[in-house]
Amino acid sequence: MEPTKLEKETMIAEVLEMDYAEEIIPLFTAIGMHCLGCAAASEETVEEACLVHGIDPDAFVSAVNGVIEGLAAQKAQ
């Protein structure tokens, strides 16, 4: 089963494999993370990428997980 919750320690490469990746990737690009598939990004954690882009990692992870939870709830209906 694919991961369904984002953690600060989640590797960027893992984000591409997550449930709802198509829906959450735009959240990353909206804050300037445009190269999720590049070699350097694949070796970064979400926390590291957030810090590089001047984003609070805790707030970002919480926001993304809120979207994931909403999508999972819609799917369960």
C-alpha atoms as a PDB file:
ATOM      1  CA  MET A   1       0.000   0.000   0.000  1.00  0.00           C
ATOM      2  CA  GLU A   2       1.190   3.501  -0.793  1.00  0.00           C
ATOM      3  CA  PRO A   3       1.763   6.001   2.027  1.00  0.00           C
ATOM      4  CA  THR A   4      -1.307   8.071   2.810  1.00  0.00           C
ATOM      5  CA  LYS A   5       0.192  10.596   5.210  1.00  0.00           C
ATOM      6  CA  LEU A   6       2.967  13.093   4.656  1.00  0.00           C
ATOM      7  CA  GLU A   7       5.701  13.422   7.281  1.00  0.00           C
ATOM      8  CA  LYS A   8       8.505  15.962   7.478  1.00  0.00           C
ATOM      9  CA  GLU A   9      10.882  13.014   7.027  1.00  0.00           C
ATOM     10  CA  THR A  10       9.136  11.829   3.834  1.00  0.00           C
ATOM     11  CA  MET A  11      11.564  11.892   0.940  1.00  0.00           C
ATOM     12  CA  ILE A  12      10.486  14.060  -1.988  1.00  0.00           C
ATOM     13  CA  ALA A  13      10.805  11.028  -4.279  1.00  0.00           C
ATOM     14  CA  GLU A  14       8.249   9.224  -2.096  1.00  0.00           C
ATOM     15  CA  VAL A  15       5.736  12.035  -2.597  1.00  0.00           C
ATOM     16  CA  LEU A  16       5.476  11.019  -6.244  1.00  0.00           C
ATOM     17  CA  GLU A  17       4.395   7.528  -5.148  1.00  0.00           C
ATOM     18  CA  MET A  18       1.835   8.614  -2.556  1.00  0.00           C
ATOM     19  CA  ASP A  19      -1.885   8.105  -2.737  1.00  0.00           C
ATOM     20  CA  TYR A  20      -3.378  11.267  -4.250  1.00  0.00           C
ATOM     21  CA  ALA A  21      -0.007  12.360  -5.687  1.00  0.00           C
ATOM     22  CA  GLU A  22      -1.759  14.024  -8.627  1.00  0.00           C
ATOM     23  CA  GLU A  23      -3.794  16.140  -6.232  1.00  0.00           C
ATOM     24  CA  ILE A  24      -1.030  17.069  -3.782  1.00  0.00           C
ATOM     25  CA  ILE A  25       1.832  17.779  -6.192  1.00  0.00           C
ATOM     26  CA  PRO A  26       0.255  21.147  -7.124  1.00  0.00           C
ATOM     27  CA  LEU A  27       0.573  22.139  -3.444  1.00  0.00           C
ATOM     28  CA  PHE A  28       4.328  21.655  -3.755  1.00  0.00           C
ATOM     29  CA  THR A  29       4.605  23.582  -7.007  1.00  0.00           C
ATOM     30  CA  ALA A  30       2.503  26.412  -5.551  1.00  0.00           C
ATOM     31  CA  ILE A  31       5.252  27.103  -3.005  1.00  0.00           C
ATOM     32  CA  GLY A  32       8.057  26.937  -5.554  1.00  0.00           C
ATOM     33  CA  MET A  33       8.981  23.261  -5.522  1.00  0.00           C
ATOM     34  CA  HIS A  34       8.891  22.800  -9.283  1.00  0.00           C
ATOM     35  CA  CYS A  35      11.442  20.025  -9.719  1.00  0.00           C
ATOM     36  CA  LEU A  36      10.003  17.209  -7.620  1.00  0.00           C
ATOM     37  CA  GLY A  37      11.389  14.653 -10.046  1.00  0.00           C
ATOM     38  CA  CYS A  38      14.945  15.982 -10.285  1.00  0.00           C
ATOM     39  CA  ALA A  39      17.835  13.997  -8.809  1.00  0.00           C
ATOM     40  CA  ALA A  40      18.639  16.522  -6.071  1.00  0.00           C
ATOM     41  CA  ALA A  41      15.050  16.754  -4.875  1.00  0.00           C
ATOM     42  CA  SER A  42      14.702  12.995  -4.695  1.00  0.00           C
ATOM     43  CA  GLU A  43      17.341  12.924  -1.955  1.00  0.00           C
ATOM     44  CA  GLU A  44      15.695  15.672   0.118  1.00  0.00           C
ATOM     45  CA  THR A  45      13.090  15.331   2.801  1.00  0.00           C
ATOM     46  CA  VAL A  46       9.949  17.421   2.746  1.00  0.00           C
ATOM     47  CA  GLU A  47      11.330  19.355   5.698  1.00  0.00           C
ATOM     48  CA  GLU A  48      14.602  20.132   3.906  1.00  0.00           C
ATOM     49  CA  ALA A  49      12.773  21.227   0.767  1.00  0.00           C
ATOM     50  CA  CYS A  50      10.451  23.468   2.781  1.00  0.00           C
ATOM     51  CA  LEU A  51      13.342  25.130   4.564  1.00  0.00           C
ATOM     52  CA  VAL A  52      15.157  25.765   1.275  1.00  0.00           C
ATOM     53  CA  HIS A  53      12.005  27.463  -0.031  1.00  0.00           C
ATOM     54  CA  GLY A  54      11.353  29.480   3.132  1.00  0.00           C
ATOM     55  CA  ILE A  55       8.246  27.507   4.092  1.00  0.00           C
ATOM     56  CA  ASP A  56       7.343  26.376   7.620  1.00  0.00           C
ATOM     57  CA  PRO A  57       7.589  22.567   7.327  1.00  0.00           C
ATOM     58  CA  ASP A  58       5.095  21.871  10.120  1.00  0.00           C
ATOM     59  CA  ALA A  59       2.450  24.133   8.601  1.00  0.00           C
ATOM     60  CA  PHE A  60       3.001  22.744   5.102  1.00  0.00           C
ATOM     61  CA  VAL A  61       2.841  19.099   6.209  1.00  0.00           C
ATOM     62  CA  SER A  62      -0.314  19.847   8.168  1.00  0.00           C
ATOM     63  CA  ALA A  63      -1.929  21.544   5.163  1.00  0.00           C
ATOM     64  CA  VAL A  64      -1.042  18.719   2.787  1.00  0.00           C
ATOM     65  CA  ASN A  65      -2.292  16.105   5.241  1.00  0.00           C
ATOM     66  CA  GLY A  66      -5.551  18.031   5.522  1.00  0.00           C
ATOM     67  CA  VAL A  67      -5.981  17.761   1.758  1.00  0.00           C
ATOM     68  CA  ILE A  68      -5.120  14.053   1.839  1.00  0.00           C
ATOM     69  CA  GLU A  69      -7.645  13.442   4.620  1.00  0.00           C
ATOM     70  CA  GLY A  70     -10.327  15.303   2.665  1.00  0.00           C
ATOM     71  CA  LEU A  71      -9.632  13.304  -0.469  1.00  0.00           C
ATOM     72  CA  ALA A  72      -9.675  10.025   1.457  1.00  0.00           C
ATOM     73  CA  ALA A  73     -12.999  10.978   3.054  1.00  0.00           C
ATOM     74  CA  GLN A  74     -14.494  11.767  -0.362  1.00  0.00           C
ATOM     75  CA  LYS A  75     -13.267   8.449  -1.728  1.00  0.00           C
ATOM     76  CA  ALA A  76     -14.786   6.559   1.210  1.00  0.00           C
ATOM     77  CA  GLN A  77     -18.254   7.962   0.538  1.00  0.00           C
END
